[in-house]
Amino acid sequence: MYQDSEKQANPRTLGRNGLIGKIRLTSFMSESAIMSEIRSMFHVPMEEKNDFVFKILQASGGNSKTLSLPSLSASFKWTAGAVCGKKF
């Protein structure tokens, strides 16, 4: 499972732990609605806790099969496009 101290996580490992799933986002969703949607997907692997803390990972680029934490400013707000990528 991904830990804060790690820089990268393997998607296969995350999948085995039930930490990869599909969610439905729309372009008009607020950051809090996006985070609630993500929490609803993972509440079972996180032992039914709806207030667990998580970080959104991004593909490391190229043909890499690893994920990493994006570098974000303190004022950054997640949007559906930012979570889904440029083609959203």
PDB file of N, CA and C in Angstrom:
ATOM      1  N   MET A   1       0.834  -1.172   0.000  1.00  0.00           N
ATOM      2  CA  MET A   1       0.000   0.000   0.000  1.00  0.00           C
ATOM      3  C   MET A   1       0.882   1.239   0.000  1.00  0.00           C
ATOM      4  N   TYR A   2       0.400   2.314  -0.570  1.00  0.00           N
ATOM      5  CA  TYR A   2       1.166   3.556  -0.653  1.00  0.00           C
ATOM      6  C   TYR A   2       1.294   4.191   0.724  1.00  0.00           C
ATOM      7  N   GLN A   3       2.466   4.603   1.074  1.00  0.00           N
ATOM      8  CA  GLN A   3       2.730   5.296   2.337  1.00  0.00           C
ATOM      9  C   GLN A   3       3.286   6.674   2.027  1.00  0.00           C
ATOM     10  N   ASP A   4       3.041   7.650   2.912  1.00  0.00           N
ATOM     11  CA  ASP A   4       3.528   9.009   2.688  1.00  0.00           C
ATOM     12  C   ASP A   4       5.029   9.070   2.479  1.00  0.00           C
ATOM     13  N   SER A   5       5.772   8.179   3.113  1.00  0.00           N
ATOM     14  CA  SER A   5       7.229   8.241   3.017  1.00  0.00           C
ATOM     15  C   SER A   5       7.757   7.731   1.679  1.00  0.00           C
ATOM     16  N   GLU A   6       6.917   7.056   0.893  1.00  0.00           N
ATOM     17  CA  GLU A   6       7.347   6.534  -0.396  1.00  0.00           C
ATOM     18  C   GLU A   6       7.126   7.570  -1.484  1.00  0.00           C
ATOM     19  N   LYS A   7       7.958   7.546  -2.503  1.00  0.00           N
ATOM     20  CA  LYS A   7       7.817   8.469  -3.628  1.00  0.00           C
ATOM     21  C   LYS A   7       6.955   7.882  -4.736  1.00  0.00           C
ATOM     22  N   GLN A   8       6.933   6.535  -4.864  1.00  0.00           N
ATOM     23  CA  GLN A   8       6.196   5.904  -5.946  1.00  0.00           C
ATOM     24  C   GLN A   8       5.450   4.685  -5.423  1.00  0.00           C
ATOM     25  N   ALA A   9       4.376   4.322  -6.122  1.00  0.00           N
ATOM     26  CA  ALA A   9       3.596   3.138  -5.787  1.00  0.00           C
ATOM     27  C   ALA A   9       3.308   2.377  -7.074  1.00  0.00           C
ATOM     28  N   ASN A  10       3.341   1.068  -7.021  1.00  0.00           N
ATOM     29  CA  ASN A  10       3.070   0.230  -8.169  1.00  0.00           C
ATOM     30  C   ASN A  10       1.561  -0.005  -8.267  1.00  0.00           C
ATOM     31  N   PRO A  11       0.926   0.298  -9.415  1.00  0.00           N
ATOM     32  CA  PRO A  11      -0.522   0.100  -9.542  1.00  0.00           C
ATOM     33  C   PRO A  11      -0.976  -1.326  -9.241  1.00  0.00           C
ATOM     34  N   ARG A  12      -0.179  -2.323  -9.580  1.00  0.00           N
ATOM     35  CA  ARG A  12      -0.552  -3.709  -9.312  1.00  0.00           C
ATOM     36  C   ARG A  12      -0.690  -3.948  -7.809  1.00  0.00           C
ATOM     37  N   THR A  13       0.245  -3.400  -7.034  1.00  0.00           N
ATOM     38  CA  THR A  13       0.186  -3.530  -5.580  1.00  0.00           C
ATOM     39  C   THR A  13      -1.043  -2.817  -5.032  1.00  0.00           C
ATOM     40  N   LEU A  14      -1.324  -1.638  -5.539  1.00  0.00           N
ATOM     41  CA  LEU A  14      -2.507  -0.897  -5.094  1.00  0.00           C
ATOM     42  C   LEU A  14      -3.778  -1.677  -5.419  1.00  0.00           C
ATOM     43  N   GLY A  15      -3.838  -2.277  -6.600  1.00  0.00           N
ATOM     44  CA  GLY A  15      -4.998  -3.063  -7.007  1.00  0.00           C
ATOM     45  C   GLY A  15      -5.228  -4.267  -6.113  1.00  0.00           C
ATOM     46  N   ARG A  16      -4.172  -4.957  -5.760  1.00  0.00           N
ATOM     47  CA  ARG A  16      -4.300  -6.116  -4.857  1.00  0.00           C
ATOM     48  C   ARG A  16      -4.878  -5.715  -3.508  1.00  0.00           C
ATOM     49  N   ASN A  17      -4.626  -4.488  -3.095  1.00  0.00           N
ATOM     50  CA  ASN A  17      -5.128  -4.003  -1.818  1.00  0.00           C
ATOM     51  C   ASN A  17      -6.488  -3.316  -1.938  1.00  0.00           C
ATOM     52  N   GLY A  18      -7.111  -3.395  -3.119  1.00  0.00           N
ATOM     53  CA  GLY A  18      -8.415  -2.784  -3.325  1.00  0.00           C
ATOM     54  C   GLY A  18      -8.362  -1.266  -3.386  1.00  0.00           C
ATOM     55  N   LEU A  19      -7.208  -0.722  -3.762  1.00  0.00           N
ATOM     56  CA  LEU A  19      -7.030   0.726  -3.742  1.00  0.00           C
ATOM     57  C   LEU A  19      -7.007   1.362  -5.130  1.00  0.00           C
ATOM     58  N   ILE A  20      -7.527   0.641  -6.127  1.00  0.00           N
ATOM     59  CA  ILE A  20      -7.713   1.197  -7.464  1.00  0.00           C
ATOM     60  C   ILE A  20      -9.152   0.894  -7.849  1.00  0.00           C
ATOM     61  N   GLY A  21      -9.853   1.895  -8.334  1.00  0.00           N
ATOM     62  CA  GLY A  21     -11.241   1.694  -8.720  1.00  0.00           C
ATOM     63  C   GLY A  21     -11.684   2.761  -9.693  1.00  0.00           C
ATOM     64  N   LYS A  22     -12.916   2.621 -10.181  1.00  0.00           N
ATOM     65  CA  LYS A  22     -13.476   3.589 -11.119  1.00  0.00           C
ATOM     66  C   LYS A  22     -14.471   4.471 -10.383  1.00  0.00           C
ATOM     67  N   ILE A  23     -14.394   5.761 -10.684  1.00  0.00           N
ATOM     68  CA  ILE A  23     -15.331   6.716 -10.116  1.00  0.00           C
ATOM     69  C   ILE A  23     -15.935   7.524 -11.244  1.00  0.00           C
ATOM     70  N   ARG A  24     -17.041   8.187 -10.987  1.00  0.00           N
ATOM     71  CA  ARG A  24     -17.691   9.027 -11.994  1.00  0.00           C
ATOM     72  C   ARG A  24     -17.576  10.477 -11.548  1.00  0.00           C
ATOM     73  N   LEU A  25     -16.936  11.279 -12.386  1.00  0.00           N
ATOM     74  CA  LEU A  25     -16.770  12.701 -12.117  1.00  0.00           C
ATOM     75  C   LEU A  25     -17.404  13.496 -13.247  1.00  0.00           C
ATOM     76  N   THR A  26     -17.895  14.676 -12.908  1.00  0.00           N
ATOM     77  CA  THR A  26     -18.407  15.590 -13.916  1.00  0.00           C
ATOM     78  C   THR A  26     -17.649  16.905 -13.796  1.00  0.00           C
ATOM     79  N   SER A  27     -17.652  17.662 -14.848  1.00  0.00           N
ATOM     80  CA  SER A  27     -16.856  18.890 -14.880  1.00  0.00           C
ATOM     81  C   SER A  27     -17.344  19.966 -13.914  1.00  0.00           C
ATOM     82  N   PHE A  28     -18.568  19.865 -13.432  1.00  0.00           N
ATOM     83  CA  PHE A  28     -19.081  20.891 -12.520  1.00  0.00           C
ATOM     84  C   PHE A  28     -18.926  20.523 -11.047  1.00  0.00           C
ATOM     85  N   MET A  29     -18.303  19.401 -10.738  1.00  0.00           N
ATOM     86  CA  MET A  29     -18.141  18.982  -9.344  1.00  0.00           C
ATOM     87  C   MET A  29     -17.126  19.864  -8.620  1.00  0.00           C
ATOM     88  N   SER A  30     -17.423  20.163  -7.363  1.00  0.00           N
ATOM     89  CA  SER A  30     -16.497  20.918  -6.519  1.00  0.00           C
ATOM     90  C   SER A  30     -15.415  19.986  -5.997  1.00  0.00           C
ATOM     91  N   GLU A  31     -14.355  20.562  -5.450  1.00  0.00           N
ATOM     92  CA  GLU A  31     -13.284  19.748  -4.873  1.00  0.00           C
ATOM     93  C   GLU A  31     -13.841  18.836  -3.776  1.00  0.00           C
ATOM     94  N   SER A  32     -14.717  19.336  -2.922  1.00  0.00           N
ATOM     95  CA  SER A  32     -15.257  18.500  -1.843  1.00  0.00           C
ATOM     96  C   SER A  32     -16.119  17.362  -2.398  1.00  0.00           C
ATOM     97  N   ALA A  33     -16.868  17.602  -3.461  1.00  0.00           N
ATOM     98  CA  ALA A  33     -17.672  16.549  -4.086  1.00  0.00           C
ATOM     99  C   ALA A  33     -16.773  15.485  -4.716  1.00  0.00           C
ATOM    100  N   ILE A  34     -15.667  15.898  -5.321  1.00  0.00           N
ATOM    101  CA  ILE A  34     -14.714  14.952  -5.902  1.00  0.00           C
ATOM    102  C   ILE A  34     -14.113  14.078  -4.809  1.00  0.00           C
ATOM    103  N   MET A  35     -13.693  14.694  -3.714  1.00  0.00           N
ATOM    104  CA  MET A  35     -13.092  13.932  -2.616  1.00  0.00           C
ATOM    105  C   MET A  35     -14.108  12.984  -1.977  1.00  0.00           C
ATOM    106  N   SER A  36     -15.365  13.399  -1.874  1.00  0.00           N
ATOM    107  CA  SER A  36     -16.418  12.530  -1.335  1.00  0.00           C
ATOM    108  C   SER A  36     -16.645  11.327  -2.243  1.00  0.00           C
ATOM    109  N   GLU A  37     -16.625  11.557  -3.551  1.00  0.00           N
ATOM    110  CA  GLU A  37     -16.791  10.455  -4.513  1.00  0.00           C
ATOM    111  C   GLU A  37     -15.646   9.457  -4.374  1.00  0.00           C
ATOM    112  N   ILE A  38     -14.437   9.949  -4.232  1.00  0.00           N
ATOM    113  CA  ILE A  38     -13.281   9.068  -4.065  1.00  0.00           C
ATOM    114  C   ILE A  38     -13.393   8.303  -2.743  1.00  0.00           C
ATOM    115  N   ARG A  39     -13.750   8.987  -1.670  1.00  0.00           N
ATOM    116  CA  ARG A  39     -13.889   8.319  -0.369  1.00  0.00           C
ATOM    117  C   ARG A  39     -14.965   7.230  -0.416  1.00  0.00           C
ATOM    118  N   SER A  40     -16.057   7.483  -1.143  1.00  0.00           N
ATOM    119  CA  SER A  40     -17.125   6.482  -1.215  1.00  0.00           C
ATOM    120  C   SER A  40     -16.650   5.207  -1.907  1.00  0.00           C
ATOM    121  N   MET A  41     -15.739   5.343  -2.862  1.00  0.00           N
ATOM    122  CA  MET A  41     -15.195   4.171  -3.559  1.00  0.00           C
ATOM    123  C   MET A  41     -14.329   3.317  -2.643  1.00  0.00           C
ATOM    124  N   PHE A  42     -13.579   3.951  -1.776  1.00  0.00           N
ATOM    125  CA  PHE A  42     -12.575   3.241  -0.998  1.00  0.00           C
ATOM    126  C   PHE A  42     -12.932   3.074   0.475  1.00  0.00           C
ATOM    127  N   HIS A  43     -14.195   3.305   0.858  1.00  0.00           N
ATOM    128  CA  HIS A  43     -14.524   3.189   2.273  1.00  0.00           C
ATOM    129  C   HIS A  43     -14.405   1.757   2.796  1.00  0.00           C
ATOM    130  N   VAL A  44     -14.619   0.748   1.952  1.00  0.00           N
ATOM    131  CA  VAL A  44     -14.486  -0.644   2.412  1.00  0.00           C
ATOM    132  C   VAL A  44     -13.026  -1.007   2.687  1.00  0.00           C
ATOM    133  N   PRO A  45     -12.079  -0.786   1.721  1.00  0.00           N
ATOM    134  CA  PRO A  45     -10.685  -1.119   2.051  1.00  0.00           C
ATOM    135  C   PRO A  45     -10.132  -0.269   3.190  1.00  0.00           C
ATOM    136  N   MET A  46     -10.733   0.872   3.433  1.00  0.00           N
ATOM    137  CA  MET A  46     -10.247   1.736   4.513  1.00  0.00           C
ATOM    138  C   MET A  46     -11.053   1.517   5.792  1.00  0.00           C
ATOM    139  N   GLU A  47     -11.643   0.330   5.915  1.00  0.00           N
ATOM    140  CA  GLU A  47     -12.357  -0.106   7.116  1.00  0.00           C
ATOM    141  C   GLU A  47     -13.553   0.775   7.460  1.00  0.00           C
ATOM    142  N   GLU A  48     -14.311   1.145   6.414  1.00  0.00           N
ATOM    143  CA  GLU A  48     -15.556   1.891   6.567  1.00  0.00           C
ATOM    144  C   GLU A  48     -15.395   3.296   7.143  1.00  0.00           C
ATOM    145  N   LYS A  49     -14.200   3.813   7.150  1.00  0.00           N
ATOM    146  CA  LYS A  49     -13.978   5.172   7.640  1.00  0.00           C
ATOM    147  C   LYS A  49     -14.212   6.144   6.489  1.00  0.00           C
ATOM    148  N   ASN A  50     -15.148   7.053   6.629  1.00  0.00           N
ATOM    149  CA  ASN A  50     -15.460   8.007   5.570  1.00  0.00           C
ATOM    150  C   ASN A  50     -14.623   9.279   5.647  1.00  0.00           C
ATOM    151  N   ASP A  51     -13.775   9.387   6.652  1.00  0.00           N
ATOM    152  CA  ASP A  51     -12.970  10.600   6.805  1.00  0.00           C
ATOM    153  C   ASP A  51     -11.473  10.323   6.653  1.00  0.00           C
ATOM    154  N   PHE A  52     -11.132   9.176   6.031  1.00  0.00           N
ATOM    155  CA  PHE A  52      -9.721   8.855   5.878  1.00  0.00           C
ATOM    156  C   PHE A  52      -9.027   9.867   4.977  1.00  0.00           C
ATOM    157  N   VAL A  53      -7.752  10.074   5.230  1.00  0.00           N
ATOM    158  CA  VAL A  53      -6.952  11.027   4.465  1.00  0.00           C
ATOM    159  C   VAL A  53      -6.266  10.282   3.320  1.00  0.00           C
ATOM    160  N   PHE A  54      -6.247  10.867   2.142  1.00  0.00           N
ATOM    161  CA  PHE A  54      -5.591  10.248   0.998  1.00  0.00           C
ATOM    162  C   PHE A  54      -4.966  11.317   0.127  1.00  0.00           C
ATOM    163  N   LYS A  55      -4.108  10.875  -0.767  1.00  0.00           N
ATOM    164  CA  LYS A  55      -3.484  11.772  -1.738  1.00  0.00           C
ATOM    165  C   LYS A  55      -3.713  11.197  -3.127  1.00  0.00           C
ATOM    166  N   ILE A  56      -3.963  12.072  -4.077  1.00  0.00           N
ATOM    167  CA  ILE A  56      -4.170  11.652  -5.457  1.00  0.00           C
ATOM    168  C   ILE A  56      -2.804  11.521  -6.123  1.00  0.00           C
ATOM    169  N   LEU A  57      -2.585  10.366  -6.758  1.00  0.00           N
ATOM    170  CA  LEU A  57      -1.319  10.089  -7.435  1.00  0.00           C
ATOM    171  C   LEU A  57      -1.478  10.313  -8.928  1.00  0.00           C
ATOM    172  N   GLN A  58      -0.368  10.497  -9.605  1.00  0.00           N
ATOM    173  CA  GLN A  58      -0.391  10.646 -11.053  1.00  0.00           C
ATOM    174  C   GLN A  58       0.590   9.651 -11.662  1.00  0.00           C
ATOM    175  N   ALA A  59       0.343   9.305 -12.926  1.00  0.00           N
ATOM    176  CA  ALA A  59       1.290   8.437 -13.634  1.00  0.00           C
ATOM    177  C   ALA A  59       2.619   9.166 -13.737  1.00  0.00           C
ATOM    178  N   SER A  60       3.692   8.419 -13.595  1.00  0.00           N
ATOM    179  CA  SER A  60       5.024   9.031 -13.605  1.00  0.00           C
ATOM    180  C   SER A  60       5.447   9.503 -14.986  1.00  0.00           C
ATOM    181  N   GLY A  61       4.729   9.131 -16.019  1.00  0.00           N
ATOM    182  CA  GLY A  61       5.018   9.614 -17.367  1.00  0.00           C
ATOM    183  C   GLY A  61       5.617   8.547 -18.258  1.00  0.00           C
ATOM    184  N   GLY A  62       5.501   8.774 -19.543  1.00  0.00           N
ATOM    185  CA  GLY A  62       6.034   7.817 -20.517  1.00  0.00           C
ATOM    186  C   GLY A  62       5.339   6.478 -20.394  1.00  0.00           C
ATOM    187  N   ASN A  63       6.116   5.417 -20.519  1.00  0.00           N
ATOM    188  CA  ASN A  63       5.577   4.063 -20.381  1.00  0.00           C
ATOM    189  C   ASN A  63       5.737   3.523 -18.972  1.00  0.00           C
ATOM    190  N   SER A  64       5.994   4.406 -18.024  1.00  0.00           N
ATOM    191  CA  SER A  64       6.201   4.009 -16.637  1.00  0.00           C
ATOM    192  C   SER A  64       4.948   3.367 -16.058  1.00  0.00           C
ATOM    193  N   LYS A  65       5.138   2.356 -15.228  1.00  0.00           N
ATOM    194  CA  LYS A  65       4.020   1.706 -14.557  1.00  0.00           C
ATOM    195  C   LYS A  65       4.010   2.062 -13.080  1.00  0.00           C
ATOM    196  N   THR A  66       4.546   3.218 -12.759  1.00  0.00           N
ATOM    197  CA  THR A  66       4.533   3.674 -11.375  1.00  0.00           C
ATOM    198  C   THR A  66       3.737   4.963 -11.262  1.00  0.00           C
ATOM    199  N   LEU A  67       3.300   5.232 -10.051  1.00  0.00           N
ATOM    200  CA  LEU A  67       2.555   6.439  -9.735  1.00  0.00           C
ATOM    201  C   LEU A  67       3.360   7.256  -8.743  1.00  0.00           C
ATOM    202  N   SER A  68       3.179   8.564  -8.771  1.00  0.00           N
ATOM    203  CA  SER A  68       3.909   9.413  -7.832  1.00  0.00           C
ATOM    204  C   SER A  68       3.026  10.573  -7.394  1.00  0.00           C
ATOM    205  N   LEU A  69       3.440  11.244  -6.339  1.00  0.00           N
ATOM    206  CA  LEU A  69       2.728  12.424  -5.859  1.00  0.00           C
ATOM    207  C   LEU A  69       3.035  13.599  -6.780  1.00  0.00           C
ATOM    208  N   PRO A  70       2.006  14.297  -7.250  1.00  0.00           N
ATOM    209  CA  PRO A  70       2.274  15.478  -8.074  1.00  0.00           C
ATOM    210  C   PRO A  70       2.794  16.617  -7.195  1.00  0.00           C
ATOM    211  N   SER A  71       3.583  17.491  -7.773  1.00  0.00           N
ATOM    212  CA  SER A  71       4.062  18.685  -7.067  1.00  0.00           C
ATOM    213  C   SER A  71       2.997  19.767  -7.221  1.00  0.00           C
ATOM    214  N   LEU A  72       2.385  20.156  -6.109  1.00  0.00           N
ATOM    215  CA  LEU A  72       1.288  21.121  -6.143  1.00  0.00           C
ATOM    216  C   LEU A  72       1.538  22.258  -5.168  1.00  0.00           C
ATOM    217  N   SER A  73       1.028  23.425  -5.508  1.00  0.00           N
ATOM    218  CA  SER A  73       1.123  24.563  -4.585  1.00  0.00           C
ATOM    219  C   SER A  73       0.099  24.381  -3.461  1.00  0.00           C
ATOM    220  N   ALA A  74       0.292  25.074  -2.368  1.00  0.00           N
ATOM    221  CA  ALA A  74      -0.613  24.982  -1.213  1.00  0.00           C
ATOM    222  C   ALA A  74      -2.019  25.461  -1.568  1.00  0.00           C
ATOM    223  N   SER A  75      -2.148  26.331  -2.555  1.00  0.00           N
ATOM    224  CA  SER A  75      -3.456  26.878  -2.926  1.00  0.00           C
ATOM    225  C   SER A  75      -4.164  26.065  -4.020  1.00  0.00           C
ATOM    226  N   PHE A  76      -3.550  24.982  -4.494  1.00  0.00           N
ATOM    227  CA  PHE A  76      -4.121  24.181  -5.576  1.00  0.00           C
ATOM    228  C   PHE A  76      -5.465  23.586  -5.157  1.00  0.00           C
ATOM    229  N   LYS A  77      -6.454  23.640  -6.039  1.00  0.00           N
ATOM    230  CA  LYS A  77      -7.771  23.033  -5.825  1.00  0.00           C
ATOM    231  C   LYS A  77      -7.999  21.981  -6.897  1.00  0.00           C
ATOM    232  N   TRP A  78      -8.365  20.770  -6.471  1.00  0.00           N
ATOM    233  CA  TRP A  78      -8.626  19.699  -7.422  1.00  0.00           C
ATOM    234  C   TRP A  78      -9.916  19.976  -8.175  1.00  0.00           C
ATOM    235  N   THR A  79      -9.889  19.723  -9.467  1.00  0.00           N
ATOM    236  CA  THR A  79     -11.062  19.763 -10.329  1.00  0.00           C
ATOM    237  C   THR A  79     -11.181  18.399 -10.983  1.00  0.00           C
ATOM    238  N   ALA A  80     -12.324  18.117 -11.583  1.00  0.00           N
ATOM    239  CA  ALA A  80     -12.487  16.832 -12.270  1.00  0.00           C
ATOM    240  C   ALA A  80     -11.441  16.696 -13.379  1.00  0.00           C
ATOM    241  N   GLY A  81     -11.165  17.778 -14.102  1.00  0.00           N
ATOM    242  CA  GLY A  81     -10.162  17.742 -15.166  1.00  0.00           C
ATOM    243  C   GLY A  81      -8.767  17.448 -14.633  1.00  0.00           C
ATOM    244  N   ALA A  82      -8.433  17.997 -13.474  1.00  0.00           N
ATOM    245  CA  ALA A  82      -7.114  17.756 -12.889  1.00  0.00           C
ATOM    246  C   ALA A  82      -6.974  16.308 -12.442  1.00  0.00           C
ATOM    247  N   VAL A  83      -8.054  15.719 -11.931  1.00  0.00           N
ATOM    248  CA  VAL A  83      -8.014  14.320 -11.495  1.00  0.00           C
ATOM    249  C   VAL A  83      -7.942  13.388 -12.701  1.00  0.00           C
ATOM    250  N   CYS A  84      -8.726  13.678 -13.730  1.00  0.00           N
ATOM    251  CA  CYS A  84      -8.837  12.786 -14.888  1.00  0.00           C
ATOM    252  C   CYS A  84      -7.776  12.994 -15.946  1.00  0.00           C
ATOM    253  N   GLY A  85      -7.160  14.139 -15.978  1.00  0.00           N
ATOM    254  CA  GLY A  85      -6.175  14.411 -16.994  1.00  0.00           C
ATOM    255  C   GLY A  85      -6.682  15.376 -18.041  1.00  0.00           C
ATOM    256  N   LYS A  86      -5.852  15.689 -18.991  1.00  0.00           N
ATOM    257  CA  LYS A  86      -6.141  16.728 -19.975  1.00  0.00           C
ATOM    258  C   LYS A  86      -7.288  16.392 -20.908  1.00  0.00           C
ATOM    259  N   LYS A  87      -7.591  15.118 -21.116  1.00  0.00           N
ATOM    260  CA  LYS A  87      -8.609  14.730 -22.089  1.00  0.00           C
ATOM    261  C   LYS A  87     -10.016  14.727 -21.508  1.00  0.00           C
ATOM    262  N   PHE A  88     -10.204  15.162 -20.268  1.00  0.00           N
ATOM    263  CA  PHE A  88     -11.512  15.126 -19.603  1.00  0.00           C
ATOM    264  C   PHE A  88     -12.498  16.046 -20.268  1.00  0.00           C
TER     265      PHE A  88
END
